[in-house]
Structures are given as structure tokens and as C-alpha cells.
PDB file of N, CA and C in Angstrom:
ATOM      1  N   MET A   1      17.612  72.392 113.022  1.00  0.00           N
ATOM      2  CA  MET A   1      18.903  71.759 113.108  1.00  0.00           C
ATOM      3  C   MET A   1      19.844  72.662 113.889  1.00  0.00           C
ATOM      4  N   LYS A   2      20.439  72.120 114.932  1.00  0.00           N
ATOM      5  CA  LYS A   2      21.367  72.891 115.751  1.00  0.00           C
ATOM      6  C   LYS A   2      22.796  72.545 115.367  1.00  0.00           C
ATOM      7  N   ILE A   3      23.613  73.589 115.209  1.00  0.00           N
ATOM      8  CA  ILE A   3      25.033  73.388 114.934  1.00  0.00           C
ATOM      9  C   ILE A   3      25.777  73.687 116.215  1.00  0.00           C
ATOM     10  N   LYS A   4      26.679  72.827 116.570  1.00  0.00           N
ATOM     11  CA  LYS A   4      27.434  73.035 117.793  1.00  0.00           C
ATOM     12  C   LYS A   4      28.379  74.214 117.612  1.00  0.00           C
ATOM     13  N   LEU A   5      28.575  74.958 118.670  1.00  0.00           N
ATOM     14  CA  LEU A   5      29.427  76.144 118.650  1.00  0.00           C
ATOM     15  C   LEU A   5      30.852  75.837 118.182  1.00  0.00           C
ATOM     16  N   PRO A   6      31.497  74.748 118.613  1.00  0.00           N
ATOM     17  CA  PRO A   6      32.857  74.482 118.126  1.00  0.00           C
ATOM     18  C   PRO A   6      32.925  74.304 116.605  1.00  0.00           C
ATOM     19  N   ALA A   7      31.895  73.746 116.010  1.00  0.00           N
ATOM     20  CA  ALA A   7      31.889  73.577 114.559  1.00  0.00           C
ATOM     21  C   ALA A   7      31.817  74.926 113.858  1.00  0.00           C
ATOM     22  N   VAL A   8      31.005  75.830 114.382  1.00  0.00           N
ATOM     23  CA  VAL A   8      30.886  77.171 113.812  1.00  0.00           C
ATOM     24  C   VAL A   8      32.215  77.911 113.963  1.00  0.00           C
ATOM     25  N   ALA A   9      32.837  77.781 115.127  1.00  0.00           N
ATOM     26  CA  ALA A   9      34.123  78.435 115.369  1.00  0.00           C
ATOM     27  C   ALA A   9      35.192  77.895 114.415  1.00  0.00           C
ATOM     28  N   ALA A  10      35.201  76.607 114.181  1.00  0.00           N
ATOM     29  CA  ALA A  10      36.177  76.009 113.286  1.00  0.00           C
ATOM     30  C   ALA A  10      36.010  76.532 111.858  1.00  0.00           C
ATOM     31  N   VAL A  11      34.771  76.647 111.406  1.00  0.00           N
ATOM     32  CA  VAL A  11      34.500  77.174 110.066  1.00  0.00           C
ATOM     33  C   VAL A  11      34.962  78.628 109.968  1.00  0.00           C
ATOM     34  N   ALA A  12      34.686  79.408 110.995  1.00  0.00           N
ATOM     35  CA  ALA A  12      35.104  80.816 111.006  1.00  0.00           C
ATOM     36  C   ALA A  12      36.618  80.941 110.974  1.00  0.00           C
ATOM     37  N   LEU A  13      37.323  80.142 111.747  1.00  0.00           N
ATOM     38  CA  LEU A  13      38.787  80.181 111.746  1.00  0.00           C
ATOM     39  C   LEU A  13      39.353  79.762 110.390  1.00  0.00           C
ATOM     40  N   PHE A  14      38.756  78.767 109.780  1.00  0.00           N
ATOM     41  CA  PHE A  14      39.200  78.334 108.456  1.00  0.00           C
ATOM     42  C   PHE A  14      39.033  79.451 107.437  1.00  0.00           C
ATOM     43  N   ALA A  15      37.904  80.132 107.479  1.00  0.00           N
ATOM     44  CA  ALA A  15      37.647  81.237 106.547  1.00  0.00           C
ATOM     45  C   ALA A  15      38.661  82.347 106.754  1.00  0.00           C
ATOM     46  N   LEU A  16      38.956  82.690 107.981  1.00  0.00           N
ATOM     47  CA  LEU A  16      39.939  83.737 108.266  1.00  0.00           C
ATOM     48  C   LEU A  16      41.325  83.338 107.786  1.00  0.00           C
ATOM     49  N   SER A  17      41.709  82.096 107.995  1.00  0.00           N
ATOM     50  CA  SER A  17      43.049  81.671 107.587  1.00  0.00           C
ATOM     51  C   SER A  17      43.186  81.662 106.070  1.00  0.00           C
ATOM     52  N   SER A  18      42.119  81.371 105.346  1.00  0.00           N
ATOM     53  CA  SER A  18      42.213  81.371 103.893  1.00  0.00           C
ATOM     54  C   SER A  18      42.360  82.792 103.357  1.00  0.00           C
ATOM     55  N   PHE A  19      41.742  83.789 104.005  1.00  0.00           N
ATOM     56  CA  PHE A  19      41.923  85.177 103.585  1.00  0.00           C
ATOM     57  C   PHE A  19      43.340  85.631 103.866  1.00  0.00           C
ATOM     58  N   THR A  20      43.872  85.262 105.001  1.00  0.00           N
ATOM     59  CA  THR A  20      45.226  85.652 105.369  1.00  0.00           C
ATOM     60  C   THR A  20      46.234  85.046 104.404  1.00  0.00           C
ATOM     61  N   ALA A  21      45.998  83.833 103.955  1.00  0.00           N
ATOM     62  CA  ALA A  21      46.927  83.160 103.063  1.00  0.00           C
ATOM     63  C   ALA A  21      47.013  83.851 101.710  1.00  0.00           C
ATOM     64  N   MET A  22      45.990  84.611 101.334  1.00  0.00           N
ATOM     65  CA  MET A  22      45.989  85.253 100.033  1.00  0.00           C
ATOM     66  C   MET A  22      46.639  86.641 100.056  1.00  0.00           C
ATOM     67  N   ALA A  23      47.042  87.127 101.207  1.00  0.00           N
ATOM     68  CA  ALA A  23      47.624  88.463 101.310  1.00  0.00           C
ATOM     69  C   ALA A  23      48.992  88.494 100.642  1.00  0.00           C
ATOM     70  N   ALA A  24      49.301  89.635 100.027  1.00  0.00           N
ATOM     71  CA  ALA A  24      50.605  89.808  99.398  1.00  0.00           C
ATOM     72  C   ALA A  24      51.697  89.766 100.463  1.00  0.00           C
ATOM     73  N   THR A  25      52.817  89.165 100.110  1.00  0.00           N
ATOM     74  CA  THR A  25      53.942  88.997 101.014  1.00  0.00           C
ATOM     75  C   THR A  25      55.039  89.984 100.652  1.00  0.00           C
ATOM     76  N   GLU A  26      55.618  90.612 101.657  1.00  0.00           N
ATOM     77  CA  GLU A  26      56.720  91.548 101.410  1.00  0.00           C
ATOM     78  C   GLU A  26      57.985  90.764 101.092  1.00  0.00           C
ATOM     79  N   VAL A  27      58.735  91.229 100.094  1.00  0.00           N
ATOM     80  CA  VAL A  27      60.006  90.607  99.708  1.00  0.00           C
ATOM     81  C   VAL A  27      61.091  91.682  99.659  1.00  0.00           C
ATOM     82  N   ASP A  28      62.351  91.239  99.701  1.00  0.00           N
ATOM     83  CA  ASP A  28      63.456  92.179  99.542  1.00  0.00           C
ATOM     84  C   ASP A  28      63.903  92.181  98.082  1.00  0.00           C
ATOM     85  N   ALA A  29      64.892  93.005  97.765  1.00  0.00           N
ATOM     86  CA  ALA A  29      65.334  93.163  96.379  1.00  0.00           C
ATOM     87  C   ALA A  29      65.846  91.853  95.792  1.00  0.00           C
ATOM     88  N   GLN A  30      66.554  91.075  96.565  1.00  0.00           N
ATOM     89  CA  GLN A  30      67.095  89.812  96.060  1.00  0.00           C
ATOM     90  C   GLN A  30      65.972  88.823  95.745  1.00  0.00           C
ATOM     91  N   GLN A  31      64.999  88.712  96.626  1.00  0.00           N
ATOM     92  CA  GLN A  31      63.873  87.805  96.391  1.00  0.00           C
ATOM     93  C   GLN A  31      63.047  88.259  95.192  1.00  0.00           C
ATOM     94  N   ALA A  32      62.950  89.555  94.984  1.00  0.00           N
ATOM     95  CA  ALA A  32      62.144  90.107  93.893  1.00  0.00           C
ATOM     96  C   ALA A  32      62.721  89.773  92.523  1.00  0.00           C
ATOM     97  N   GLN A  33      63.999  89.468  92.441  1.00  0.00           N
ATOM     98  CA  GLN A  33      64.627  89.158  91.150  1.00  0.00           C
ATOM     99  C   GLN A  33      63.985  87.962  90.464  1.00  0.00           C
ATOM    100  N   ASN A  34      63.408  87.066  91.226  1.00  0.00           N
ATOM    101  CA  ASN A  34      62.800  85.856  90.659  1.00  0.00           C
ATOM    102  C   ASN A  34      61.302  85.990  90.416  1.00  0.00           C
ATOM    103  N   LEU A  35      60.767  87.210  90.577  1.00  0.00           N
ATOM    104  CA  LEU A  35      59.324  87.422  90.438  1.00  0.00           C
ATOM    105  C   LEU A  35      59.007  88.265  89.211  1.00  0.00           C
ATOM    106  N   ASN A  36      57.757  88.202  88.766  1.00  0.00           N
ATOM    107  CA  ASN A  36      57.287  88.940  87.602  1.00  0.00           C
ATOM    108  C   ASN A  36      56.662  90.268  88.044  1.00  0.00           C
ATOM    109  N   PRO A  37      57.321  91.415  87.773  1.00  0.00           N
ATOM    110  CA  PRO A  37      56.741  92.699  88.189  1.00  0.00           C
ATOM    111  C   PRO A  37      55.483  93.020  87.384  1.00  0.00           C
ATOM    112  N   ILE A  38      54.471  93.564  88.079  1.00  0.00           N
ATOM    113  CA  ILE A  38      53.229  93.930  87.388  1.00  0.00           C
ATOM    114  C   ILE A  38      52.897  95.403  87.551  1.00  0.00           C
ATOM    115  N   GLY A  39      53.748  96.147  88.254  1.00  0.00           N
ATOM    116  CA  GLY A  39      53.495  97.569  88.405  1.00  0.00           C
ATOM    117  C   GLY A  39      53.959  98.114  89.735  1.00  0.00           C
ATOM    118  N   ASP A  40      53.466  99.302  90.042  1.00  0.00           N
ATOM    119  CA  ASP A  40      53.813  99.989  91.281  1.00  0.00           C
ATOM    120  C   ASP A  40      52.539 100.462  91.969  1.00  0.00           C
ATOM    121  N   VAL A  41      52.627 100.632  93.284  1.00  0.00           N
ATOM    122  CA  VAL A  41      51.561 101.258  94.051  1.00  0.00           C
ATOM    123  C   VAL A  41      52.194 102.339  94.915  1.00  0.00           C
ATOM    124  N   SER A  42      51.401 103.333  95.275  1.00  0.00           N
ATOM    125  CA  SER A  42      51.902 104.382  96.149  1.00  0.00           C
ATOM    126  C   SER A  42      50.801 104.850  97.080  1.00  0.00           C
ATOM    127  N   VAL A  43      51.214 105.430  98.183  1.00  0.00           N
ATOM    128  CA  VAL A  43      50.290 106.005  99.149  1.00  0.00           C
ATOM    129  C   VAL A  43      50.823 107.365  99.558  1.00  0.00           C
ATOM    130  N   SER A  44      49.927 108.231 100.000  1.00  0.00           N
ATOM    131  CA  SER A  44      50.350 109.524 100.535  1.00  0.00           C
ATOM    132  C   SER A  44      49.327 109.979 101.563  1.00  0.00           C
ATOM    133  N   GLY A  45      49.773 110.800 102.481  1.00  0.00           N
ATOM    134  CA  GLY A  45      48.876 111.323 103.504  1.00  0.00           C
ATOM    135  C   GLY A  45      48.438 110.290 104.516  1.00  0.00           C
ATOM    136  N   VAL A  46      49.270 109.270 104.749  1.00  0.00           N
ATOM    137  CA  VAL A  46      48.926 108.234 105.724  1.00  0.00           C
ATOM    138  C   VAL A  46      49.330 108.724 107.114  1.00  0.00           C
ATOM    139  N   ARG A  47      48.370 108.871 107.989  1.00  0.00           N
ATOM    140  CA  ARG A  47      48.628 109.337 109.349  1.00  0.00           C
ATOM    141  C   ARG A  47      49.108 108.162 110.199  1.00  0.00           C
ATOM    142  N   GLY A  48      50.095 108.417 111.041  1.00  0.00           N
ATOM    143  CA  GLY A  48      50.562 107.385 111.963  1.00  0.00           C
ATOM    144  C   GLY A  48      52.056 107.192 111.896  1.00  0.00           C
ATOM    145  N   SER A  49      52.452 105.956 111.662  1.00  0.00           N
ATOM    146  CA  SER A  49      53.867 105.582 111.678  1.00  0.00           C
ATOM    147  C   SER A  49      54.274 104.968 110.345  1.00  0.00           C
ATOM    148  N   ILE A  50      55.550 104.642 110.240  1.00  0.00           N
ATOM    149  CA  ILE A  50      56.061 103.987 109.037  1.00  0.00           C
ATOM    150  C   ILE A  50      55.361 102.637 108.837  1.00  0.00           C
ATOM    151  N   ASP A  51      55.030 101.968 109.932  1.00  0.00           N
ATOM    152  CA  ASP A  51      54.314 100.692 109.825  1.00  0.00           C
ATOM    153  C   ASP A  51      52.926 100.876 109.232  1.00  0.00           C
ATOM    154  N   ASP A  52      52.267 101.972 109.581  1.00  0.00           N
ATOM    155  CA  ASP A  52      50.947 102.254 109.002  1.00  0.00           C
ATOM    156  C   ASP A  52      51.057 102.471 107.494  1.00  0.00           C
ATOM    157  N   ALA A  53      52.082 103.201 107.074  1.00  0.00           N
ATOM    158  CA  ALA A  53      52.282 103.426 105.634  1.00  0.00           C
ATOM    159  C   ALA A  53      52.558 102.114 104.912  1.00  0.00           C
ATOM    160  N   THR A  54      53.373 101.259 105.518  1.00  0.00           N
ATOM    161  CA  THR A  54      53.683  99.962 104.912  1.00  0.00           C
ATOM    162  C   THR A  54      52.433  99.094 104.822  1.00  0.00           C
ATOM    163  N   ARG A  55      51.592  99.121 105.847  1.00  0.00           N
ATOM    164  CA  ARG A  55      50.335  98.355 105.798  1.00  0.00           C
ATOM    165  C   ARG A  55      49.430  98.850 104.673  1.00  0.00           C
ATOM    166  N   HIS A  56      49.400 100.163 104.456  1.00  0.00           N
ATOM    167  CA  HIS A  56      48.602 100.716 103.355  1.00  0.00           C
ATOM    168  C   HIS A  56      49.154 100.241 102.003  1.00  0.00           C
ATOM    169  N   LEU A  57      50.478 100.195 101.878  1.00  0.00           N
ATOM    170  CA  LEU A  57      51.068  99.692 100.632  1.00  0.00           C
ATOM    171  C   LEU A  57      50.712  98.226 100.419  1.00  0.00           C
ATOM    172  N   ALA A  58      50.772  97.430 101.471  1.00  0.00           N
ATOM    173  CA  ALA A  58      50.421  96.010 101.370  1.00  0.00           C
ATOM    174  C   ALA A  58      48.965  95.842 100.957  1.00  0.00           C
ATOM    175  N   ARG A  59      48.087  96.659 101.522  1.00  0.00           N
ATOM    176  CA  ARG A  59      46.664  96.588 101.175  1.00  0.00           C
ATOM    177  C   ARG A  59      46.445  96.930  99.703  1.00  0.00           C
ATOM    178  N   LYS A  60      47.140  97.965  99.220  1.00  0.00           N
ATOM    179  CA  LYS A  60      47.010  98.334  97.803  1.00  0.00           C
ATOM    180  C   LYS A  60      47.544  97.228  96.899  1.00  0.00           C
ATOM    181  N   ALA A  61      48.642  96.595  97.318  1.00  0.00           N
ATOM    182  CA  ALA A  61      49.185  95.470  96.540  1.00  0.00           C
ATOM    183  C   ALA A  61      48.146  94.358  96.440  1.00  0.00           C
ATOM    184  N   ASP A  62      47.491  94.049  97.551  1.00  0.00           N
ATOM    185  CA  ASP A  62      46.423  93.035  97.551  1.00  0.00           C
ATOM    186  C   ASP A  62      45.307  93.415  96.592  1.00  0.00           C
ATOM    187  N   GLU A  63      44.889  94.684  96.640  1.00  0.00           N
ATOM    188  CA  GLU A  63      43.798  95.147  95.778  1.00  0.00           C
ATOM    189  C   GLU A  63      44.148  95.026  94.299  1.00  0.00           C
ATOM    190  N   MET A  64      45.434  95.136  93.974  1.00  0.00           N
ATOM    191  CA  MET A  64      45.878  95.030  92.585  1.00  0.00           C
ATOM    192  C   MET A  64      46.126  93.575  92.169  1.00  0.00           C
ATOM    193  N   GLY A  65      45.900  92.635  93.077  1.00  0.00           N
ATOM    194  CA  GLY A  65      46.057  91.222  92.749  1.00  0.00           C
ATOM    195  C   GLY A  65      47.479  90.719  92.857  1.00  0.00           C
ATOM    196  N   ALA A  66      48.335  91.453  93.543  1.00  0.00           N
ATOM    197  CA  ALA A  66      49.736  91.048  93.687  1.00  0.00           C
ATOM    198  C   ALA A  66      49.863  89.918  94.699  1.00  0.00           C
ATOM    199  N   THR A  67      50.847  89.061  94.473  1.00  0.00           N
ATOM    200  CA  THR A  67      51.172  88.028  95.453  1.00  0.00           C
ATOM    201  C   THR A  67      52.329  88.472  96.339  1.00  0.00           C
ATOM    202  N   HIS A  68      53.134  89.410  95.822  1.00  0.00           N
ATOM    203  CA  HIS A  68      54.286  89.921  96.557  1.00  0.00           C
ATOM    204  C   HIS A  68      54.439  91.422  96.298  1.00  0.00           C
ATOM    205  N   TYR A  69      55.128  92.107  97.197  1.00  0.00           N
ATOM    206  CA  TYR A  69      55.447  93.521  97.001  1.00  0.00           C
ATOM    207  C   TYR A  69      56.801  93.829  97.641  1.00  0.00           C
ATOM    208  N   ARG A  70      57.463  94.849  97.113  1.00  0.00           N
ATOM    209  CA  ARG A  70      58.750  95.300  97.658  1.00  0.00           C
ATOM    210  C   ARG A  70      58.662  96.793  97.877  1.00  0.00           C
ATOM    211  N   VAL A  71      58.821  97.223  99.126  1.00  0.00           N
ATOM    212  CA  VAL A  71      58.770  98.644  99.447  1.00  0.00           C
ATOM    213  C   VAL A  71      59.993  99.318  98.844  1.00  0.00           C
ATOM    214  N   ILE A  72      59.753 100.326  98.014  1.00  0.00           N
ATOM    215  CA  ILE A  72      60.834 101.077  97.386  1.00  0.00           C
ATOM    216  C   ILE A  72      61.281 102.204  98.306  1.00  0.00           C
ATOM    217  N   GLY A  73      60.323 102.871  98.918  1.00  0.00           N
ATOM    218  CA  GLY A  73      60.663 103.952  99.826  1.00  0.00           C
ATOM    219  C   GLY A  73      59.460 104.441 100.598  1.00  0.00           C
ATOM    220  N   VAL A  74      59.724 104.910 101.814  1.00  0.00           N
ATOM    221  CA  VAL A  74      58.688 105.495 102.662  1.00  0.00           C
ATOM    222  C   VAL A  74      59.317 106.714 103.316  1.00  0.00           C
ATOM    223  N   GLU A  75      58.560 107.818 103.330  1.00  0.00           N
ATOM    224  CA  GLU A  75      59.100 109.032 103.931  1.00  0.00           C
ATOM    225  C   GLU A  75      58.021 109.838 104.618  1.00  0.00           C
ATOM    226  N   ASN A  76      58.466 110.700 105.485  1.00  0.00           N
ATOM    227  CA  ASN A  76      57.563 111.628 106.150  1.00  0.00           C
ATOM    228  C   ASN A  76      58.268 112.974 106.176  1.00  0.00           C
ATOM    229  N   PRO A  77      57.769 113.892 105.357  1.00  0.00           N
ATOM    230  CA  PRO A  77      58.446 115.176 105.191  1.00  0.00           C
ATOM    231  C   PRO A  77      58.364 116.065 106.426  1.00  0.00           C
ATOM    232  N   GLY A  78      59.512 116.584 106.822  1.00  0.00           N
ATOM    233  CA  GLY A  78      59.566 117.538 107.919  1.00  0.00           C
ATOM    234  C   GLY A  78      59.018 117.015 109.216  1.00  0.00           C
ATOM    235  N   ASP A  79      58.255 117.832 109.901  1.00  0.00           N
ATOM    236  CA  ASP A  79      57.697 117.448 111.193  1.00  0.00           C
ATOM    237  C   ASP A  79      56.273 116.914 111.067  1.00  0.00           C
ATOM    238  N   SER A  80      55.886 116.553 109.866  1.00  0.00           N
ATOM    239  CA  SER A  80      54.540 116.042 109.612  1.00  0.00           C
ATOM    240  C   SER A  80      54.386 114.621 110.159  1.00  0.00           C
ATOM    241  N   SER A  81      53.168 114.264 110.517  1.00  0.00           N
ATOM    242  CA  SER A  81      52.886 112.879 110.911  1.00  0.00           C
ATOM    243  C   SER A  81      52.241 112.121 109.754  1.00  0.00           C
ATOM    244  N   LEU A  82      52.278 112.708 108.561  1.00  0.00           N
ATOM    245  CA  LEU A  82      51.713 112.075 107.376  1.00  0.00           C
ATOM    246  C   LEU A  82      52.825 111.432 106.568  1.00  0.00           C
ATOM    247  N   TRP A  83      52.627 110.179 106.204  1.00  0.00           N
ATOM    248  CA  TRP A  83      53.629 109.394 105.483  1.00  0.00           C
ATOM    249  C   TRP A  83      53.220 109.183 104.035  1.00  0.00           C
ATOM    250  N   SER A  84      54.220 109.032 103.159  1.00  0.00           N
ATOM    251  CA  SER A  84      53.993 108.615 101.783  1.00  0.00           C
ATOM    252  C   SER A  84      55.021 107.533 101.455  1.00  0.00           C
ATOM    253  N   GLY A  85      54.691 106.738 100.455  1.00  0.00           N
ATOM    254  CA  GLY A  85      55.606 105.683 100.081  1.00  0.00           C
ATOM    255  C   GLY A  85      55.187 105.006  98.793  1.00  0.00           C
ATOM    256  N   SER A  86      56.079 104.155  98.300  1.00  0.00           N
ATOM    257  CA  SER A  86      55.794 103.417  97.072  1.00  0.00           C
ATOM    258  C   SER A  86      56.367 102.009  97.168  1.00  0.00           C
ATOM    259  N   ALA A  87      55.787 101.115  96.381  1.00  0.00           N
ATOM    260  CA  ALA A  87      56.223  99.730  96.353  1.00  0.00           C
ATOM    261  C   ALA A  87      56.041  99.174  94.957  1.00  0.00           C
ATOM    262  N   GLU A  88      56.932  98.285  94.573  1.00  0.00           N
ATOM    263  CA  GLU A  88      56.776  97.541  93.319  1.00  0.00           C
ATOM    264  C   GLU A  88      55.994  96.278  93.667  1.00  0.00           C
ATOM    265  N   ILE A  89      55.058  95.889  92.784  1.00  0.00           N
ATOM    266  CA  ILE A  89      54.232  94.728  93.043  1.00  0.00           C
ATOM    267  C   ILE A  89      54.520  93.628  92.014  1.00  0.00           C
ATOM    268  N   TYR A  90      54.308  92.382  92.435  1.00  0.00           N
ATOM    269  CA  TYR A  90      54.665  91.207  91.635  1.00  0.00           C
ATOM    270  C   TYR A  90      53.568  90.167  91.673  1.00  0.00           C
ATOM    271  N   ARG A  91      53.573  89.327  90.650  1.00  0.00           N
ATOM    272  CA  ARG A  91      52.702  88.148  90.597  1.00  0.00           C
ATOM    273  C   ARG A  91      53.530  86.936  90.375  1.00  0.00           C
TER     274      ARG A  91
END
């Protein structure tokens, strides 16, 4: 049985979109007021930029089963290229 390439591509795109839909969404303090907090996550020693640190926080929120997260703080001490940060997570 041969499956046409467009059908395979459509299935692959659907699978990717369903994974993306389950990712935790970043919220601000006002939006977080209406959510149920389930804990905190933190990262340290993240090489790169502030965006890299934020992506690591989002990934940890996903791993903890959060639907939303709010970045509390991100910093990079001195002249280091290593970032640390924390976020509150919600369901």
C-alpha cells in the first residue's frame, strides 16, 4: 500500500501542531491572578542570552505539567555569559 507524500506531510504537520499547542504559555502578573499556582521552576548556568534562559524556564514549566508560567526574574552576574532565572508556574 502506497501513501501519497502530501498525506504523510499533513499527518506530520498535525502532530507538530498538537505538540506546540500543549506548550506552556507565558503570562504577565495581571494574567496570573486568575490562574492556579502549582510551584516554581529555576535555571542556572544557561549559556547564551536572556531569551535562552527564558526558553529553558518555559521547557521546565512544560516538564512540570504547567499550562502557563510567569518569569519572576532573569539575571547574568557580572561579565558572565551564563544566565539564571526563576518562574512561577500555573495550571
